[in-house]
PDB file of N, CA and C in Angstrom:
ATOM      1  N   UNK A   1      91.788 111.908 139.303  1.00  0.00           N
ATOM      2  CA  UNK A   1      92.069 111.269 140.561  1.00  0.00           C
ATOM      3  C   UNK A   1      90.831 110.528 141.049  1.00  0.00           C
ATOM      4  N   UNK A   2      91.019 109.249 141.286  1.00  0.00           N
ATOM      5  CA  UNK A   2      89.945 108.404 141.774  1.00  0.00           C
ATOM      6  C   UNK A   2      90.070 108.269 143.282  1.00  0.00           C
ATOM      7  N   UNK A   3      88.955 108.411 143.956  1.00  0.00           N
ATOM      8  CA  UNK A   3      88.942 108.282 145.398  1.00  0.00           C
ATOM      9  C   UNK A   3      87.721 107.496 145.835  1.00  0.00           C
ATOM     10  N   UNK A   4      87.932 106.532 146.712  1.00  0.00           N
ATOM     11  CA  UNK A   4      86.864 105.768 147.329  1.00  0.00           C
ATOM     12  C   UNK A   4      86.982 105.944 148.835  1.00  0.00           C
ATOM     13  N   UNK A   5      85.900 106.343 149.469  1.00  0.00           N
ATOM     14  CA  UNK A   5      85.905 106.607 150.895  1.00  0.00           C
ATOM     15  C   UNK A   5      84.808 105.795 151.558  1.00  0.00           C
ATOM     16  N   UNK A   6      85.212 104.855 152.408  1.00  0.00           N
ATOM     17  CA  UNK A   6      84.263 104.030 153.142  1.00  0.00           C
ATOM     18  C   UNK A   6      83.870 104.706 154.453  1.00  0.00           C
ATOM     19  N   UNK A   7      82.676 104.408 154.900  1.00  0.00           N
ATOM     20  CA  UNK A   7      82.210 104.884 156.189  1.00  0.00           C
ATOM     21  C   UNK A   7      81.151 103.920 156.714  1.00  0.00           C
ATOM     22  N   UNK A   8      80.810 104.070 157.975  1.00  0.00           N
ATOM     23  CA  UNK A   8      79.754 103.268 158.567  1.00  0.00           C
ATOM     24  C   UNK A   8      80.224 102.144 159.460  1.00  0.00           C
ATOM     25  N   UNK A   9      81.517 101.905 159.517  1.00  0.00           N
ATOM     26  CA  UNK A   9      82.026 100.866 160.389  1.00  0.00           C
ATOM     27  C   UNK A   9      81.931 101.270 161.846  1.00  0.00           C
ATOM     28  N   UNK A  10      82.164 100.315 162.716  1.00  0.00           N
ATOM     29  CA  UNK A  10      82.108 100.583 164.137  1.00  0.00           C
ATOM     30  C   UNK A  10      82.003  99.313 164.937  1.00  0.00           C
ATOM     31  N   UNK A  11      81.637  99.471 166.184  1.00  0.00           N
ATOM     32  CA  UNK A  11      81.482  98.357 167.114  1.00  0.00           C
ATOM     33  C   UNK A  11      80.008  98.011 167.252  1.00  0.00           C
ATOM     34  N   UNK A  12      79.706  96.735 167.124  1.00  0.00           N
ATOM     35  CA  UNK A  12      78.329  96.284 167.217  1.00  0.00           C
ATOM     36  C   UNK A  12      78.285  94.938 167.933  1.00  0.00           C
ATOM     37  N   UNK A  13      77.192  94.683 168.627  1.00  0.00           N
ATOM     38  CA  UNK A  13      76.998  93.408 169.287  1.00  0.00           C
ATOM     39  C   UNK A  13      76.617  92.329 168.284  1.00  0.00           C
ATOM     40  N   UNK A  14      76.984  91.101 168.592  1.00  0.00           N
ATOM     41  CA  UNK A  14      76.579  89.987 167.749  1.00  0.00           C
ATOM     42  C   UNK A  14      75.067  89.985 167.567  1.00  0.00           C
ATOM     43  N   UNK A  15      74.643  89.745 166.339  1.00  0.00           N
ATOM     44  CA  UNK A  15      73.232  89.789 166.006  1.00  0.00           C
ATOM     45  C   UNK A  15      72.754  91.141 165.537  1.00  0.00           C
ATOM     46  N   UNK A  16      73.587  92.148 165.683  1.00  0.00           N
ATOM     47  CA  UNK A  16      73.227  93.482 165.264  1.00  0.00           C
ATOM     48  C   UNK A  16      73.485  93.728 163.796  1.00  0.00           C
ATOM     49  N   UNK A  17      73.278  94.969 163.378  1.00  0.00           N
ATOM     50  CA  UNK A  17      73.398  95.341 161.976  1.00  0.00           C
ATOM     51  C   UNK A  17      74.228  96.602 161.809  1.00  0.00           C
ATOM     52  N   UNK A  18      74.855  96.704 160.659  1.00  0.00           N
ATOM     53  CA  UNK A  18      75.561  97.903 160.239  1.00  0.00           C
ATOM     54  C   UNK A  18      75.348  98.088 158.749  1.00  0.00           C
ATOM     55  N   UNK A  19      75.394  99.323 158.309  1.00  0.00           N
ATOM     56  CA  UNK A  19      75.397  99.618 156.887  1.00  0.00           C
ATOM     57  C   UNK A  19      76.646 100.403 156.534  1.00  0.00           C
ATOM     58  N   UNK A  20      77.460  99.816 155.678  1.00  0.00           N
ATOM     59  CA  UNK A  20      78.652 100.483 155.189  1.00  0.00           C
ATOM     60  C   UNK A  20      78.333 101.254 153.919  1.00  0.00           C
ATOM     61  N   UNK A  21      78.988 102.388 153.761  1.00  0.00           N
ATOM     62  CA  UNK A  21      78.829 103.205 152.571  1.00  0.00           C
ATOM     63  C   UNK A  21      80.185 103.445 151.934  1.00  0.00           C
ATOM     64  N   UNK A  22      80.186 103.576 150.627  1.00  0.00           N
ATOM     65  CA  UNK A  22      81.396 103.897 149.883  1.00  0.00           C
ATOM     66  C   UNK A  22      81.059 104.999 148.899  1.00  0.00           C
ATOM     67  N   UNK A  23      81.702 106.136 149.057  1.00  0.00           N
ATOM     68  CA  UNK A  23      81.507 107.276 148.170  1.00  0.00           C
ATOM     69  C   UNK A  23      82.641 107.326 147.162  1.00  0.00           C
ATOM     70  N   UNK A  24      82.288 107.350 145.892  1.00  0.00           N
ATOM     71  CA  UNK A  24      83.273 107.350 144.820  1.00  0.00           C
ATOM     72  C   UNK A  24      83.329 108.708 144.142  1.00  0.00           C
ATOM     73  N   UNK A  25      84.520 109.107 143.754  1.00  0.00           N
ATOM     74  CA  UNK A  25      84.707 110.341 143.006  1.00  0.00           C
ATOM     75  C   UNK A  25      85.874 110.164 142.042  1.00  0.00           C
ATOM     76  N   UNK A  26      85.893 110.983 141.013  1.00  0.00           N
ATOM     77  CA  UNK A  26      86.982 110.928 140.051  1.00  0.00           C
ATOM     78  C   UNK A  26      86.854 109.847 139.000  1.00  0.00           C
ATOM     79  N   UNK A  27      85.687 109.229 138.894  1.00  0.00           N
ATOM     80  CA  UNK A  27      85.457 108.201 137.895  1.00  0.00           C
ATOM     81  C   UNK A  27      84.027 108.279 137.380  1.00  0.00           C
ATOM     82  N   UNK A  28      83.808 107.672 136.228  1.00  0.00           N
ATOM     83  CA  UNK A  28      82.450 107.550 135.707  1.00  0.00           C
ATOM     84  C   UNK A  28      81.833 106.343 136.390  1.00  0.00           C
ATOM     85  N   UNK A  29      81.137 106.603 137.460  1.00  0.00           N
ATOM     86  CA  UNK A  29      80.738 105.563 138.398  1.00  0.00           C
ATOM     87  C   UNK A  29      79.965 104.427 137.742  1.00  0.00           C
ATOM     88  N   UNK A  30      79.044 104.760 136.853  1.00  0.00           N
ATOM     89  CA  UNK A  30      78.201 103.731 136.250  1.00  0.00           C
ATOM     90  C   UNK A  30      78.973 102.774 135.352  1.00  0.00           C
ATOM     91  N   UNK A  31      80.196 103.101 134.980  1.00  0.00           N
ATOM     92  CA  UNK A  31      81.023 102.208 134.168  1.00  0.00           C
ATOM     93  C   UNK A  31      81.685 101.107 134.984  1.00  0.00           C
ATOM     94  N   UNK A  32      81.649 101.220 136.296  1.00  0.00           N
ATOM     95  CA  UNK A  32      82.421 100.340 137.162  1.00  0.00           C
ATOM     96  C   UNK A  32      81.569  99.302 137.871  1.00  0.00           C
ATOM     97  N   UNK A  33      82.097  98.091 137.908  1.00  0.00           N
ATOM     98  CA  UNK A  33      81.598  97.118 138.859  1.00  0.00           C
ATOM     99  C   UNK A  33      82.149  97.478 140.232  1.00  0.00           C
ATOM    100  N   UNK A  34      81.341  97.304 141.247  1.00  0.00           N
ATOM    101  CA  UNK A  34      81.745  97.653 142.597  1.00  0.00           C
ATOM    102  C   UNK A  34      81.712  96.417 143.482  1.00  0.00           C
ATOM    103  N   UNK A  35      82.553  96.427 144.488  1.00  0.00           N
ATOM    104  CA  UNK A  35      82.593  95.283 145.376  1.00  0.00           C
ATOM    105  C   UNK A  35      83.084  95.647 146.760  1.00  0.00           C
ATOM    106  N   UNK A  36      82.895  94.706 147.660  1.00  0.00           N
ATOM    107  CA  UNK A  36      83.401  94.808 149.021  1.00  0.00           C
ATOM    108  C   UNK A  36      84.281  93.608 149.319  1.00  0.00           C
ATOM    109  N   UNK A  37      85.407  93.874 149.957  1.00  0.00           N
ATOM    110  CA  UNK A  37      86.315  92.857 150.445  1.00  0.00           C
ATOM    111  C   UNK A  37      86.584  93.122 151.917  1.00  0.00           C
ATOM    112  N   UNK A  38      87.155  92.149 152.586  1.00  0.00           N
ATOM    113  CA  UNK A  38      87.496  92.357 153.984  1.00  0.00           C
ATOM    114  C   UNK A  38      88.767  91.608 154.336  1.00  0.00           C
ATOM    115  N   UNK A  39      89.438  92.105 155.369  1.00  0.00           N
ATOM    116  CA  UNK A  39      90.635  91.465 155.875  1.00  0.00           C
ATOM    117  C   UNK A  39      90.547  91.381 157.396  1.00  0.00           C
ATOM    118  N   UNK A  40      90.470  90.170 157.892  1.00  0.00           N
ATOM    119  CA  UNK A  40      90.448  89.934 159.326  1.00  0.00           C
ATOM    120  C   UNK A  40      91.874  89.854 159.854  1.00  0.00           C
ATOM    121  N   UNK A  41      92.083  90.117 161.137  1.00  0.00           N
ATOM    122  CA  UNK A  41      93.434  90.044 161.701  1.00  0.00           C
ATOM    123  C   UNK A  41      94.085  88.693 161.458  1.00  0.00           C
ATOM    124  N   UNK A  42      95.294  88.715 160.920  1.00  0.00           N
ATOM    125  CA  UNK A  42      96.033  87.492 160.679  1.00  0.00           C
ATOM    126  C   UNK A  42      95.581  86.689 159.483  1.00  0.00           C
ATOM    127  N   UNK A  43      94.662  87.212 158.689  1.00  0.00           N
ATOM    128  CA  UNK A  43      94.147  86.491 157.536  1.00  0.00           C
ATOM    129  C   UNK A  43      94.324  87.312 156.259  1.00  0.00           C
ATOM    130  N   UNK A  44      94.231  86.620 155.142  1.00  0.00           N
ATOM    131  CA  UNK A  44      94.339  87.307 153.864  1.00  0.00           C
ATOM    132  C   UNK A  44      93.024  87.988 153.510  1.00  0.00           C
ATOM    133  N   UNK A  45      93.109  88.939 152.632  1.00  0.00           N
ATOM    134  CA  UNK A  45      91.921  89.631 152.162  1.00  0.00           C
ATOM    135  C   UNK A  45      90.995  88.662 151.439  1.00  0.00           C
ATOM    136  N   UNK A  46      89.704  88.771 151.695  1.00  0.00           N
ATOM    137  CA  UNK A  46      88.745  87.874 151.078  1.00  0.00           C
ATOM    138  C   UNK A  46      87.596  88.648 150.450  1.00  0.00           C
ATOM    139  N   UNK A  47      87.035  88.050 149.439  1.00  0.00           N
ATOM    140  CA  UNK A  47      85.894  88.616 148.740  1.00  0.00           C
ATOM    141  C   UNK A  47      84.655  88.544 149.610  1.00  0.00           C
ATOM    142  N   UNK A  48      83.840  89.596 149.557  1.00  0.00           N
ATOM    143  CA  UNK A  48      82.589  89.639 150.303  1.00  0.00           C
ATOM    144  C   UNK A  48      81.387  89.700 149.364  1.00  0.00           C
ATOM    145  N   UNK A  49      81.362  90.700 148.481  1.00  0.00           N
ATOM    146  CA  UNK A  49      80.209  90.883 147.606  1.00  0.00           C
ATOM    147  C   UNK A  49      80.594  91.753 146.424  1.00  0.00           C
ATOM    148  N   UNK A  50      79.865  91.601 145.326  1.00  0.00           N
ATOM    149  CA  UNK A  50      80.080  92.444 144.157  1.00  0.00           C
ATOM    150  C   UNK A  50      78.739  92.771 143.517  1.00  0.00           C
ATOM    151  N   UNK A  51      78.712  93.870 142.774  1.00  0.00           N
ATOM    152  CA  UNK A  51      77.505  94.302 142.089  1.00  0.00           C
ATOM    153  C   UNK A  51      77.889  94.891 140.744  1.00  0.00           C
ATOM    154  N   UNK A  52      77.126  94.543 139.715  1.00  0.00           N
ATOM    155  CA  UNK A  52      77.398  95.001 138.372  1.00  0.00           C
ATOM    156  C   UNK A  52      77.118  96.476 138.180  1.00  0.00           C
ATOM    157  N   UNK A  53      77.455  96.960 137.005  1.00  0.00           N
ATOM    158  CA  UNK A  53      77.389  98.395 136.738  1.00  0.00           C
ATOM    159  C   UNK A  53      75.991  98.970 136.857  1.00  0.00           C
ATOM    160  N   UNK A  54      74.982  98.170 136.536  1.00  0.00           N
ATOM    161  CA  UNK A  54      73.605  98.653 136.592  1.00  0.00           C
ATOM    162  C   UNK A  54      72.857  98.163 137.829  1.00  0.00           C
ATOM    163  N   UNK A  55      73.561  97.484 138.718  1.00  0.00           N
ATOM    164  CA  UNK A  55      72.940  97.001 139.932  1.00  0.00           C
ATOM    165  C   UNK A  55      72.132  95.737 139.783  1.00  0.00           C
ATOM    166  N   UNK A  56      72.108  95.154 138.585  1.00  0.00           N
ATOM    167  CA  UNK A  56      71.269  94.002 138.332  1.00  0.00           C
ATOM    168  C   UNK A  56      71.882  92.663 138.664  1.00  0.00           C
ATOM    169  N   UNK A  57      73.199  92.601 138.766  1.00  0.00           N
ATOM    170  CA  UNK A  57      73.891  91.348 139.030  1.00  0.00           C
ATOM    171  C   UNK A  57      74.675  91.467 140.325  1.00  0.00           C
ATOM    172  N   UNK A  58      74.368  90.603 141.263  1.00  0.00           N
ATOM    173  CA  UNK A  58      75.080  90.590 142.538  1.00  0.00           C
ATOM    174  C   UNK A  58      75.597  89.201 142.842  1.00  0.00           C
ATOM    175  N   UNK A  59      76.653  89.142 143.610  1.00  0.00           N
ATOM    176  CA  UNK A  59      77.233  87.872 144.010  1.00  0.00           C
ATOM    177  C   UNK A  59      77.829  88.032 145.398  1.00  0.00           C
ATOM    178  N   UNK A  60      77.685  86.978 146.225  1.00  0.00           N
ATOM    179  CA  UNK A  60      78.126  87.031 147.602  1.00  0.00           C
ATOM    180  C   UNK A  60      78.974  85.829 147.960  1.00  0.00           C
ATOM    181  N   UNK A  61      79.899  86.048 148.869  1.00  0.00           N
ATOM    182  CA  UNK A  61      80.619  84.939 149.455  1.00  0.00           C
ATOM    183  C   UNK A  61      79.653  84.087 150.264  1.00  0.00           C
ATOM    184  N   UNK A  62      79.902  82.785 150.297  1.00  0.00           N
ATOM    185  CA  UNK A  62      79.009  81.887 151.025  1.00  0.00           C
ATOM    186  C   UNK A  62      78.892  82.266 152.502  1.00  0.00           C
ATOM    187  N   UNK A  63      79.950  82.807 153.063  1.00  0.00           N
ATOM    188  CA  UNK A  63      79.962  83.120 154.479  1.00  0.00           C
ATOM    189  C   UNK A  63      79.012  84.250 154.859  1.00  0.00           C
ATOM    190  N   UNK A  64      78.624  85.069 153.888  1.00  0.00           N
ATOM    191  CA  UNK A  64      77.755  86.205 154.175  1.00  0.00           C
ATOM    192  C   UNK A  64      76.419  86.132 153.451  1.00  0.00           C
ATOM    193  N   UNK A  65      76.255  85.172 152.583  1.00  0.00           N
ATOM    194  CA  UNK A  65      75.030  85.050 151.803  1.00  0.00           C
ATOM    195  C   UNK A  65      73.819  84.915 152.723  1.00  0.00           C
ATOM    196  N   UNK A  66      72.801  85.703 152.434  1.00  0.00           N
ATOM    197  CA  UNK A  66      71.603  85.706 153.247  1.00  0.00           C
ATOM    198  C   UNK A  66      71.627  86.694 154.384  1.00  0.00           C
ATOM    199  N   UNK A  67      72.799  87.216 154.703  1.00  0.00           N
ATOM    200  CA  UNK A  67      72.936  88.197 155.778  1.00  0.00           C
ATOM    201  C   UNK A  67      73.329  89.580 155.265  1.00  0.00           C
ATOM    202  N   UNK A  68      74.084  89.624 154.189  1.00  0.00           N
ATOM    203  CA  UNK A  68      74.569  90.880 153.620  1.00  0.00           C
ATOM    204  C   UNK A  68      73.828  91.190 152.330  1.00  0.00           C
ATOM    205  N   UNK A  69      73.667  92.482 152.059  1.00  0.00           N
ATOM    206  CA  UNK A  69      73.079  92.931 150.805  1.00  0.00           C
ATOM    207  C   UNK A  69      73.898  94.086 150.253  1.00  0.00           C
ATOM    208  N   UNK A  70      74.362  93.944 149.020  1.00  0.00           N
ATOM    209  CA  UNK A  70      75.085  95.017 148.363  1.00  0.00           C
ATOM    210  C   UNK A  70      74.130  95.758 147.434  1.00  0.00           C
ATOM    211  N   UNK A  71      74.269  97.067 147.374  1.00  0.00           N
ATOM    212  CA  UNK A  71      73.436  97.877 146.503  1.00  0.00           C
ATOM    213  C   UNK A  71      74.232  99.087 146.040  1.00  0.00           C
ATOM    214  N   UNK A  72      73.719  99.762 145.022  1.00  0.00           N
ATOM    215  CA  UNK A  72      74.402 100.956 144.536  1.00  0.00           C
ATOM    216  C   UNK A  72      73.393 101.990 144.078  1.00  0.00           C
ATOM    217  N   UNK A  73      73.815 103.233 144.115  1.00  0.00           N
ATOM    218  CA  UNK A  73      73.013 104.349 143.647  1.00  0.00           C
ATOM    219  C   UNK A  73      73.893 105.138 142.696  1.00  0.00           C
ATOM    220  N   UNK A  74      73.723 104.907 141.404  1.00  0.00           N
ATOM    221  CA  UNK A  74      74.589 105.540 140.421  1.00  0.00           C
ATOM    222  C   UNK A  74      74.408 107.055 140.371  1.00  0.00           C
ATOM    223  N   UNK A  75      73.221 107.534 140.709  1.00  0.00           N
ATOM    224  CA  UNK A  75      72.975 108.971 140.717  1.00  0.00           C
ATOM    225  C   UNK A  75      73.783 109.670 141.797  1.00  0.00           C
ATOM    226  N   UNK A  76      74.122 108.939 142.856  1.00  0.00           N
ATOM    227  CA  UNK A  76      74.872 109.513 143.968  1.00  0.00           C
ATOM    228  C   UNK A  76      76.308 109.025 144.043  1.00  0.00           C
ATOM    229  N   UNK A  77      76.715 108.176 143.109  1.00  0.00           N
ATOM    230  CA  UNK A  77      78.058 107.589 143.125  1.00  0.00           C
ATOM    231  C   UNK A  77      78.341 106.890 144.454  1.00  0.00           C
ATOM    232  N   UNK A  78      77.383 106.094 144.888  1.00  0.00           N
ATOM    233  CA  UNK A  78      77.484 105.424 146.174  1.00  0.00           C
ATOM    234  C   UNK A  78      77.239 103.925 146.024  1.00  0.00           C
ATOM    235  N   UNK A  79      77.935 103.158 146.823  1.00  0.00           N
ATOM    236  CA  UNK A  79      77.674 101.738 146.963  1.00  0.00           C
ATOM    237  C   UNK A  79      77.558 101.436 148.443  1.00  0.00           C
ATOM    238  N   UNK A  80      76.680 100.486 148.773  1.00  0.00           N
ATOM    239  CA  UNK A  80      76.382 100.194 150.164  1.00  0.00           C
ATOM    240  C   UNK A  80      76.533  98.708 150.440  1.00  0.00           C
ATOM    241  N   UNK A  81      76.756  98.406 151.698  1.00  0.00           N
ATOM    242  CA  UNK A  81      76.745  97.026 152.157  1.00  0.00           C
ATOM    243  C   UNK A  81      75.944  96.968 153.443  1.00  0.00           C
ATOM    244  N   UNK A  82      74.754  96.422 153.353  1.00  0.00           N
ATOM    245  CA  UNK A  82      73.916  96.222 154.529  1.00  0.00           C
ATOM    246  C   UNK A  82      74.281  94.888 155.157  1.00  0.00           C
ATOM    247  N   UNK A  83      74.671  94.904 156.410  1.00  0.00           N
ATOM    248  CA  UNK A  83      75.120  93.712 157.111  1.00  0.00           C
ATOM    249  C   UNK A  83      74.178  93.449 158.279  1.00  0.00           C
ATOM    250  N   UNK A  84      73.512  92.311 158.235  1.00  0.00           N
ATOM    251  CA  UNK A  84      72.577  91.923 159.282  1.00  0.00           C
ATOM    252  C   UNK A  84      73.052  90.662 159.978  1.00  0.00           C
ATOM    253  N   UNK A  85      72.526  90.450 161.180  1.00  0.00           N
ATOM    254  CA  UNK A  85      72.879  89.266 161.960  1.00  0.00           C
ATOM    255  C   UNK A  85      74.387  89.064 162.015  1.00  0.00           C
ATOM    256  N   UNK A  86      75.075  90.098 162.410  1.00  0.00           N
ATOM    257  CA  UNK A  86      76.534  90.057 162.427  1.00  0.00           C
ATOM    258  C   UNK A  86      77.061  89.068 163.461  1.00  0.00           C
ATOM    259  N   UNK A  87      78.176  88.455 163.114  1.00  0.00           N
ATOM    260  CA  UNK A  87      78.829  87.467 163.945  1.00  0.00           C
ATOM    261  C   UNK A  87      80.243  87.932 164.283  1.00  0.00           C
ATOM    262  N   UNK A  88      80.806  87.450 165.381  1.00  0.00           N
ATOM    263  CA  UNK A  88      82.177  87.851 165.722  1.00  0.00           C
ATOM    264  C   UNK A  88      83.174  87.592 164.591  1.00  0.00           C
ATOM    265  N   UNK A  89      82.975  86.533 163.819  1.00  0.00           N
ATOM    266  CA  UNK A  89      83.884  86.234 162.722  1.00  0.00           C
ATOM    267  C   UNK A  89      83.774  87.214 161.558  1.00  0.00           C
ATOM    268  N   UNK A  90      82.797  88.113 161.598  1.00  0.00           N
ATOM    269  CA  UNK A  90      82.704  89.177 160.604  1.00  0.00           C
ATOM    270  C   UNK A  90      83.647  90.332 160.906  1.00  0.00           C
ATOM    271  N   UNK A  91      84.269  90.308 162.062  1.00  0.00           N
ATOM    272  CA  UNK A  91      85.193  91.367 162.443  1.00  0.00           C
ATOM    273  C   UNK A  91      86.337  91.457 161.439  1.00  0.00           C
ATOM    274  N   UNK A  92      86.516  92.627 160.861  1.00  0.00           N
ATOM    275  CA  UNK A  92      87.533  92.818 159.835  1.00  0.00           C
ATOM    276  C   UNK A  92      87.541  94.277 159.416  1.00  0.00           C
ATOM    277  N   UNK A  93      88.559  94.625 158.646  1.00  0.00           N
ATOM    278  CA  UNK A  93      88.554  95.893 157.940  1.00  0.00           C
ATOM    279  C   UNK A  93      87.903  95.655 156.588  1.00  0.00           C
ATOM    280  N   UNK A  94      86.888  96.424 156.279  1.00  0.00           N
ATOM    281  CA  UNK A  94      86.138  96.265 155.041  1.00  0.00           C
ATOM    282  C   UNK A  94      86.575  97.321 154.033  1.00  0.00           C
ATOM    283  N   UNK A  95      86.850  96.861 152.807  1.00  0.00           N
ATOM    284  CA  UNK A  95      87.355  97.718 151.747  1.00  0.00           C
ATOM    285  C   UNK A  95      86.392  97.769 150.573  1.00  0.00           C
ATOM    286  N   UNK A  96      86.218  98.948 150.046  1.00  0.00           N
ATOM    287  CA  UNK A  96      85.447  99.155 148.841  1.00  0.00           C
ATOM    288  C   UNK A  96      86.372  99.067 147.627  1.00  0.00           C
ATOM    289  N   UNK A  97      85.890  98.425 146.558  1.00  0.00           N
ATOM    290  CA  UNK A  97      86.675  98.281 145.340  1.00  0.00           C
ATOM    291  C   UNK A  97      85.857  98.676 144.127  1.00  0.00           C
ATOM    292  N   UNK A  98      86.491  99.406 143.211  1.00  0.00           N
ATOM    293  CA  UNK A  98      85.912  99.731 141.920  1.00  0.00           C
ATOM    294  C   UNK A  98      86.739  99.071 140.838  1.00  0.00           C
ATOM    295  N   UNK A  99      86.057  98.461 139.866  1.00  0.00           N
ATOM    296  CA  UNK A  99      86.748  97.734 138.808  1.00  0.00           C
ATOM    297  C   UNK A  99      86.137  98.060 137.454  1.00  0.00           C
ATOM    298  N   UNK A 100      86.991  98.377 136.488  1.00  0.00           N
ATOM    299  CA  UNK A 100      86.570  98.671 135.131  1.00  0.00           C
ATOM    300  C   UNK A 100      87.334  97.782 134.172  1.00  0.00           C
ATOM    301  N   UNK A 101      86.611  97.008 133.393  1.00  0.00           N
ATOM    302  CA  UNK A 101      87.186  96.086 132.411  1.00  0.00           C
ATOM    303  C   UNK A 101      88.185  95.122 133.033  1.00  0.00           C
ATOM    304  N   UNK A 102      87.972  94.811 134.288  1.00  0.00           N
ATOM    305  CA  UNK A 102      88.749  93.814 135.022  1.00  0.00           C
ATOM    306  C   UNK A 102      90.226  94.168 135.172  1.00  0.00           C
ATOM    307  N   UNK A 103      90.603  95.397 134.843  1.00  0.00           N
ATOM    308  CA  UNK A 103      92.006  95.772 134.940  1.00  0.00           C
ATOM    309  C   UNK A 103      92.233  97.107 135.632  1.00  0.00           C
ATOM    310  N   UNK A 104      91.266  98.001 135.557  1.00  0.00           N
ATOM    311  CA  UNK A 104      91.382  99.285 136.234  1.00  0.00           C
ATOM    312  C   UNK A 104      90.711  99.165 137.597  1.00  0.00           C
ATOM    313  N   UNK A 105      91.527  98.950 138.612  1.00  0.00           N
ATOM    314  CA  UNK A 105      91.035  98.679 139.960  1.00  0.00           C
ATOM    315  C   UNK A 105      91.449  99.769 140.931  1.00  0.00           C
ATOM    316  N   UNK A 106      90.513 100.143 141.778  1.00  0.00           N
ATOM    317  CA  UNK A 106      90.764 101.154 142.791  1.00  0.00           C
ATOM    318  C   UNK A 106      90.219 100.672 144.122  1.00  0.00           C
ATOM    319  N   UNK A 107      90.915 101.060 145.187  1.00  0.00           N
ATOM    320  CA  UNK A 107      90.567 100.619 146.528  1.00  0.00           C
ATOM    321  C   UNK A 107      90.433 101.796 147.475  1.00  0.00           C
ATOM    322  N   UNK A 108      89.512 101.670 148.421  1.00  0.00           N
ATOM    323  CA  UNK A 108      89.413 102.633 149.494  1.00  0.00           C
ATOM    324  C   UNK A 108      90.375 102.291 150.614  1.00  0.00           C
ATOM    325  N   UNK A 109      90.375 103.115 151.638  1.00  0.00           N
ATOM    326  CA  UNK A 109      91.270 102.919 152.768  1.00  0.00           C
ATOM    327  C   UNK A 109      90.742 101.914 153.779  1.00  0.00           C
ATOM    328  N   UNK A 110      89.475 101.614 153.730  1.00  0.00           N
ATOM    329  CA  UNK A 110      88.887 100.627 154.609  1.00  0.00           C
ATOM    330  C   UNK A 110      88.203 101.246 155.815  1.00  0.00           C
ATOM    331  N   UNK A 111      87.269 100.504 156.361  1.00  0.00           N
ATOM    332  CA  UNK A 111      86.583 100.896 157.583  1.00  0.00           C
ATOM    333  C   UNK A 111      86.484  99.682 158.499  1.00  0.00           C
ATOM    334  N   UNK A 112      86.753  99.901 159.766  1.00  0.00           N
ATOM    335  CA  UNK A 112      86.809  98.805 160.730  1.00  0.00           C
ATOM    336  C   UNK A 112      85.418  98.414 161.200  1.00  0.00           C
ATOM    337  N   UNK A 113      85.152  97.118 161.158  1.00  0.00           N
ATOM    338  CA  UNK A 113      83.931  96.548 161.721  1.00  0.00           C
ATOM    339  C   UNK A 113      84.337  95.573 162.814  1.00  0.00           C
ATOM    340  N   UNK A 114      83.842  95.801 164.009  1.00  0.00           N
ATOM    341  CA  UNK A 114      84.138  94.927 165.134  1.00  0.00           C
ATOM    342  C   UNK A 114      82.834  94.422 165.727  1.00  0.00           C
ATOM    343  N   UNK A 115      82.709  93.111 165.806  1.00  0.00           N
ATOM    344  CA  UNK A 115      81.498  92.478 166.321  1.00  0.00           C
ATOM    345  C   UNK A 115      81.848  91.761 167.621  1.00  0.00           C
ATOM    346  N   UNK A 116      81.213  92.155 168.692  1.00  0.00           N
ATOM    347  CA  UNK A 116      81.464  91.556 169.991  1.00  0.00           C
ATOM    348  C   UNK A 116      80.361  90.568 170.347  1.00  0.00           C
ATOM    349  N   UNK A 117      80.695  89.618 171.198  1.00  0.00           N
ATOM    350  CA  UNK A 117      79.728  88.618 171.607  1.00  0.00           C
ATOM    351  C   UNK A 117      78.825  89.131 172.706  1.00  0.00           C
TER     352      UNK A 117
END
């Protein structure tokens, strides 16, 4: 049984920071690419960031590049998303994703991030 549990969401003022965490269990964590996606109210789910199995390759959506940092700790089966200089348009439910060989995909339940002006 694979389980991904996000935490760290909440309410923050514009310009503030949050760090999201995703705890993985039931999988060989180092075999998986990890990523973050988000879904804003009334919008489709969009890609935010991804990180390779060894943490050496990262990629970000243009909308968050320079403000967000994805990282992972394979010893702890954890992936993180550091979000700085948050904007109201960052408000969304953020989801953690694990992917193995581009076909074995798992999703967390999501954590709400709300950015107020």
